[in-house]
Amino acid sequence: DDCPPPCTPGQSPCPDTAGPPAPTSHPSKLCDLHSSCHPPRLLVPPFSACNADTNTRPALKTQGNCQRALAKLTVRRPFNFADHIRPLPAGFTRLQDGDQIRFGNENWWVRVGHGHAPSHLTLWSEDSQMVIGGDQFLPDITPNIGVYVSEPDANPLAEFLGSCEQFLEYADSRQLILPGHQRPFFGLPLRLHQLTASHQVFLERIRQRIRATPSSAHDIFDILFRCPIGDGEYGLAIIEAIAHMNWLLHAKQAKRDLNAEGIWMYSSSR
C-alpha cells in the first residue's frame, strides 16, 4: 500500500483529531493524496486516512452528559480572543499578507492564514527552507476550527480550506515546518492535502447523517472525534462541530430548525 502507517490509536489529544477514518466507498481516493507527493521525511509521520477503524472508537458522551457540559458552559464568560492576548499598543505596524520583515539574520515573507485564529501569521524564510507555521500547520493533529459566540454565523472552515489551497502555491516538500504543537516536520504540500481531504470526508459523512435523520452539533461528535469528549474538551468540540454545520449551511446543503428544547437540529436541504 502507498499509504503511510497510521498513528498509534489515542495518540492525538481531544478534540483535535489526526484525521478521518477511511470512507466506506472509494478509500483509494484518499490514498492517492498520500502517494501523490513524496516528501523526504516527516519528523512526525502523518495520519493515514486509509487505516483508521470507526468500529474501535471509544464511546462518546451520553445525552445526559451533554446537557451537564452545556449547563457548565452557560455560566462561564464566552471565549473571546481579546481576553487571551495583550492589548494593542498605542502605536504599531500592522503586518499584512505579502509583507517582508527581517529577523534572525534572515528575510521572512508574511503569509496570513485563516480559519483557526483571526489573521494567523505564518512566516516563510527567503534565505532558508524554513516556515514558522504556528497552529496553521500541524503535523499530525488538525487545528481546531471553531465558531464562537462572538460570530455565531461565521464560516471558519471555508476560510481554513481556502487558506490551505492558497498556501499550496508556496509550499515545498523540502521546507522545515515549525508548528505550534508537536515536532517540526517536512512535507507541507502533503500535509495541506491531508488537512483538506480530512475535512471533506467529515463533511460528506455529516451530509449522509443529516440526510438520514435531523441531528444536532453534539450528534456528530462520533464523526469528528476518535476519542471520548469530556467536560474539559466539550467547549472546543462543540464549536468545531458547529463549524462543520455552518459550512453546510453556507453551502445551502443543510437547513436548521429549533426543536422543542431550543436546540438547533440540522437536516439536509436537498
Protein backbone atom coordinates (compact mmCIF):
# COMPACT_ATOMS: atom_id res chain seq x y z
CA ASP A 1 0.00 0.00 0.00
CA ASP A 2 1.18 3.52 -0.78
CA CYS A 3 -0.42 4.95 2.35
CA PRO A 4 1.86 5.89 5.26
CA PRO A 5 1.35 3.96 8.50
CA PRO A 6 -1.39 5.13 10.85
CA CYS A 7 -0.73 6.87 14.14
CA THR A 8 -0.93 4.91 17.34
CA PRO A 9 -4.60 4.82 18.48
CA GLY A 10 -5.25 7.52 21.02
CA GLN A 11 -2.07 9.39 20.11
CA SER A 12 -3.84 12.65 19.29
CA PRO A 13 -5.36 14.72 22.10
CA CYS A 14 -9.04 15.65 22.02
CA PRO A 15 -10.72 17.45 20.46
CA ASP A 16 -8.05 17.96 17.81
CA THR A 17 -8.08 14.93 15.60
CA ALA A 18 -5.44 13.30 13.49
CA GLY A 19 -7.81 12.87 10.58
CA PRO A 20 -10.86 10.92 9.49
CA PRO A 21 -11.26 7.18 9.10
CA ALA A 22 -11.38 5.99 5.52
CA PRO A 23 -14.71 6.45 3.75
CA THR A 24 -16.63 3.24 3.25
CA SER A 25 -16.54 3.72 -0.51
CA HIS A 26 -13.52 4.58 -2.67
CA PRO A 27 -10.94 4.91 0.14
CA SER A 28 -8.23 4.84 -2.52
CA LYS A 29 -9.01 8.47 -3.33
CA LEU A 30 -7.51 9.45 -0.02
CA CYS A 31 -4.61 7.06 -0.52
CA ASP A 32 -3.85 8.86 -3.76
CA LEU A 33 -3.42 12.09 -1.86
CA HIS A 34 -0.84 10.43 0.34
CA SER A 35 1.08 8.84 -2.51
CA SER A 36 0.96 11.72 -4.99
CA CYS A 37 3.52 13.76 -3.05
CA HIS A 38 6.70 12.23 -1.68
CA PRO A 39 8.29 14.41 1.00
CA PRO A 40 11.83 13.40 2.02
CA ARG A 41 10.84 12.76 5.60
CA LEU A 42 8.19 13.73 8.10
CA LEU A 43 9.65 14.13 11.57
CA VAL A 44 6.21 13.05 12.80
CA PRO A 45 4.53 10.53 10.46
CA PRO A 46 1.17 11.69 9.06
CA PHE A 47 -2.08 10.01 9.99
CA SER A 48 -3.24 7.70 7.25
CA ALA A 49 -6.88 8.25 6.40
CA CYS A 50 -6.80 4.78 4.89
CA ASN A 51 -6.17 2.76 8.03
CA ALA A 52 -8.40 4.01 10.84
CA ASP A 53 -11.28 1.89 12.05
CA THR A 54 -14.52 3.54 13.10
CA ASN A 55 -15.55 0.41 14.98
CA THR A 56 -12.74 0.88 17.52
CA ARG A 57 -13.75 4.38 18.58
CA PRO A 58 -14.44 4.76 22.30
CA ALA A 59 -17.98 5.53 23.36
CA LEU A 60 -18.78 9.23 23.31
CA LYS A 61 -20.68 11.25 25.88
CA THR A 62 -24.30 10.39 26.57
CA GLN A 63 -27.03 12.94 26.01
CA GLY A 64 -27.27 13.45 29.77
CA ASN A 65 -23.58 14.25 29.98
CA CYS A 66 -24.06 16.60 27.04
CA GLN A 67 -26.67 18.57 28.96
CA ARG A 68 -24.39 18.74 32.02
CA ALA A 69 -21.48 20.02 29.96
CA LEU A 70 -23.67 22.62 28.26
CA ALA A 71 -25.00 23.76 31.62
CA LYS A 72 -21.46 24.40 32.82
CA LEU A 73 -20.64 26.39 29.69
CA THR A 74 -23.68 28.65 30.06
CA VAL A 75 -22.41 30.11 33.35
CA ARG A 76 -18.95 30.90 32.02
CA ARG A 77 -17.86 34.01 30.19
CA PRO A 78 -17.91 33.13 26.46
CA PHE A 79 -14.49 32.65 24.90
CA ASN A 80 -13.14 35.73 23.19
CA PHE A 81 -9.68 36.05 21.65
CA ALA A 82 -9.35 39.53 23.13
CA ASP A 83 -9.28 38.02 26.63
CA HIS A 84 -6.16 35.99 25.81
CA ILE A 85 -3.87 38.44 24.05
CA ARG A 86 -2.10 41.60 25.13
CA PRO A 87 -3.89 44.89 24.37
CA LEU A 88 -2.70 46.67 21.26
CA PRO A 89 -0.08 49.36 21.98
CA ALA A 90 -0.81 52.97 21.22
CA GLY A 91 1.26 52.70 18.06
CA PHE A 92 2.15 49.64 15.98
CA THR A 93 2.99 48.45 12.47
CA ARG A 94 0.33 46.11 11.13
CA LEU A 95 1.71 43.16 9.19
CA GLN A 96 -0.24 42.15 6.12
CA ASP A 97 -0.10 39.28 3.67
CA GLY A 98 2.82 39.75 1.28
CA ASP A 99 4.88 41.94 3.61
CA GLN A 100 8.54 41.14 4.26
CA ILE A 101 10.32 41.50 7.58
CA ARG A 102 13.83 40.67 8.77
CA PHE A 103 14.92 38.97 11.98
CA GLY A 104 17.39 36.26 12.94
CA ASN A 105 19.65 37.33 10.05
CA GLU A 106 17.01 36.17 7.56
CA ASN A 107 14.31 37.78 5.45
CA TRP A 108 10.79 36.43 6.00
CA TRP A 109 7.65 36.68 3.89
CA VAL A 110 4.40 37.24 5.78
CA ARG A 111 1.55 35.00 4.67
CA VAL A 112 -1.76 35.17 6.52
CA GLY A 113 -3.86 32.10 7.25
CA HIS A 114 -7.48 31.96 8.34
CA GLY A 115 -9.92 29.58 10.00
CA HIS A 116 -8.14 28.57 13.20
CA ALA A 117 -7.43 32.07 14.51
CA PRO A 118 -8.14 35.54 13.11
CA SER A 119 -5.37 36.65 10.74
CA HIS A 120 -2.93 33.94 11.76
CA LEU A 121 0.56 34.97 10.60
CA THR A 122 2.85 32.39 9.06
CA LEU A 123 6.44 33.37 8.26
CA TRP A 124 8.35 31.94 5.29
CA SER A 125 12.10 32.38 5.12
CA GLU A 126 13.51 33.75 1.89
CA ASP A 127 17.02 32.64 2.85
CA SER A 128 16.43 29.07 4.03
CA GLN A 129 13.84 26.33 3.68
CA MET A 130 12.09 27.21 6.94
CA VAL A 131 8.49 28.13 7.70
CA ILE A 132 7.14 29.25 11.08
CA GLY A 133 3.66 27.81 10.80
CA GLY A 134 2.25 28.16 14.30
CA ASP A 135 -1.13 26.45 14.64
CA GLN A 136 -1.95 26.85 10.94
CA PHE A 137 0.27 23.88 10.04
CA LEU A 138 0.30 20.93 12.46
CA PRO A 139 2.00 17.64 11.58
CA ASP A 140 -0.44 15.11 12.99
CA ILE A 141 -3.45 16.72 14.64
CA THR A 142 -5.70 19.19 12.86
CA PRO A 143 -6.08 22.78 14.10
CA ASN A 144 -9.28 23.38 15.99
CA ILE A 145 -11.73 25.17 13.69
CA GLY A 146 -14.45 26.75 15.77
CA VAL A 147 -17.49 29.02 15.66
CA TYR A 148 -17.54 31.37 18.65
CA VAL A 149 -20.43 33.18 20.27
CA SER A 150 -18.99 36.49 19.05
CA GLU A 151 -19.62 35.39 15.42
CA PRO A 152 -22.31 32.68 15.51
CA ASP A 153 -22.86 32.65 11.75
CA ALA A 154 -19.17 32.63 10.78
CA ASN A 155 -17.79 30.08 8.33
CA PRO A 156 -14.25 29.44 9.60
CA LEU A 157 -13.99 26.04 7.92
CA ALA A 158 -14.40 27.66 4.49
CA GLU A 159 -11.70 30.16 5.47
CA PHE A 160 -9.36 27.37 6.61
CA LEU A 161 -9.85 25.29 3.45
CA GLY A 162 -9.31 28.39 1.34
CA SER A 163 -6.04 29.08 3.17
CA CYS A 164 -4.86 25.50 2.59
CA GLU A 165 -5.41 25.98 -1.14
CA GLN A 166 -3.61 29.32 -1.18
CA PHE A 167 -0.61 28.01 0.78
CA LEU A 168 -0.08 25.23 -1.78
CA GLU A 169 1.29 27.89 -4.12
CA TYR A 170 4.23 28.46 -1.75
CA ALA A 171 4.62 25.04 -0.13
CA ASP A 172 7.61 22.83 -0.89
CA SER A 173 8.27 19.35 0.48
CA ARG A 174 11.83 20.37 1.43
CA GLN A 175 10.72 23.14 3.78
CA LEU A 176 11.17 22.57 7.51
CA ILE A 177 7.88 23.50 9.17
CA LEU A 178 7.94 24.77 12.76
CA PRO A 179 4.43 24.10 14.15
CA GLY A 180 2.74 25.46 17.25
CA HIS A 181 2.29 21.93 18.62
CA GLN A 182 4.25 18.68 18.28
CA ARG A 183 7.54 18.37 16.40
CA PRO A 184 8.94 20.10 13.30
CA PHE A 185 8.23 18.27 10.07
CA PHE A 186 8.82 18.21 6.33
CA GLY A 187 6.25 17.64 3.59
CA LEU A 188 3.91 20.64 3.76
CA PRO A 189 2.21 20.02 0.37
CA LEU A 190 1.24 16.54 1.52
CA ARG A 191 0.00 17.85 4.85
CA LEU A 192 -2.14 20.54 3.21
CA HIS A 193 -3.75 17.89 1.01
CA GLN A 194 -4.35 15.72 4.06
CA LEU A 195 -5.99 18.55 6.01
CA THR A 196 -8.29 19.37 3.11
CA ALA A 197 -9.20 15.74 2.49
CA SER A 198 -9.84 15.21 6.19
CA HIS A 199 -12.49 17.91 6.40
CA GLN A 200 -14.05 16.93 3.08
CA VAL A 201 -14.56 13.41 4.41
CA PHE A 202 -16.08 14.79 7.59
CA LEU A 203 -18.47 16.98 5.58
CA GLU A 204 -19.58 14.09 3.40
CA ARG A 205 -20.29 11.91 6.42
CA ILE A 206 -22.26 14.71 8.05
CA ARG A 207 -24.27 15.12 4.84
CA GLN A 208 -25.13 11.44 4.96
CA ARG A 209 -26.08 11.68 8.65
CA ILE A 210 -28.40 14.67 8.35
CA ARG A 211 -29.91 13.23 5.18
CA ALA A 212 -30.91 10.19 7.20
CA THR A 213 -32.02 11.96 10.39
CA PRO A 214 -32.04 15.52 11.78
CA SER A 215 -29.01 15.95 14.03
CA SER A 216 -27.63 18.47 16.48
CA ALA A 217 -23.99 19.56 16.52
CA HIS A 218 -23.46 17.25 19.51
CA ASP A 219 -24.84 14.33 17.49
CA ILE A 220 -21.93 14.44 15.04
CA PHE A 221 -19.15 14.09 17.63
CA ASP A 222 -18.74 10.45 16.63
CA ILE A 223 -17.95 11.59 13.07
CA LEU A 224 -15.40 14.23 14.03
CA PHE A 225 -13.53 12.77 17.00
CA ARG A 226 -11.77 9.47 17.63
CA CYS A 227 -11.68 9.84 21.41
CA PRO A 228 -14.13 10.43 24.25
CA ILE A 229 -15.18 14.05 24.78
CA GLY A 230 -15.10 15.02 28.46
CA ASP A 231 -16.21 18.22 30.11
CA GLY A 232 -12.77 19.75 29.62
CA GLU A 233 -12.88 19.24 25.85
CA TYR A 234 -16.58 19.84 25.28
CA GLY A 235 -16.30 23.55 24.54
CA LEU A 236 -13.70 23.04 21.79
CA ALA A 237 -15.57 20.03 20.43
CA ILE A 238 -18.93 21.76 20.12
CA ILE A 239 -17.53 24.83 18.34
CA GLU A 240 -15.77 22.58 15.80
CA ALA A 241 -18.97 20.62 15.21
CA ILE A 242 -20.87 23.88 14.65
CA ALA A 243 -18.15 25.00 12.22
CA HIS A 244 -18.86 21.97 10.04
CA MET A 245 -22.60 22.54 10.27
CA ASN A 246 -22.14 26.21 9.36
CA TRP A 247 -20.12 25.21 6.29
CA LEU A 248 -23.06 23.13 5.10
CA LEU A 249 -25.50 25.96 5.88
CA HIS A 250 -23.45 28.48 3.89
CA ALA A 251 -23.19 26.00 1.02
CA LYS A 252 -27.00 25.60 1.03
CA GLN A 253 -26.56 21.89 1.70
CA ALA A 254 -28.25 21.97 5.11
CA LYS A 255 -31.01 23.78 6.96
CA ARG A 256 -31.70 24.07 10.66
CA ASP A 257 -34.74 24.30 12.91
CA LEU A 258 -35.10 24.78 16.65
CA ASN A 259 -36.61 21.80 18.43
CA ALA A 260 -38.84 21.96 21.50
CA GLU A 261 -35.77 22.13 23.76
CA GLY A 262 -34.30 25.10 21.92
CA ILE A 263 -31.56 23.08 20.20
CA TRP A 264 -30.69 23.63 16.54
CA MET A 265 -31.38 20.46 14.56
CA TYR A 266 -29.77 20.23 11.15
CA SER A 267 -31.20 18.39 8.18
CA SER A 268 -30.41 18.11 4.50
CA SER A 269 -31.73 20.86 2.27
CA ARG A 270 -31.57 18.63 -0.77
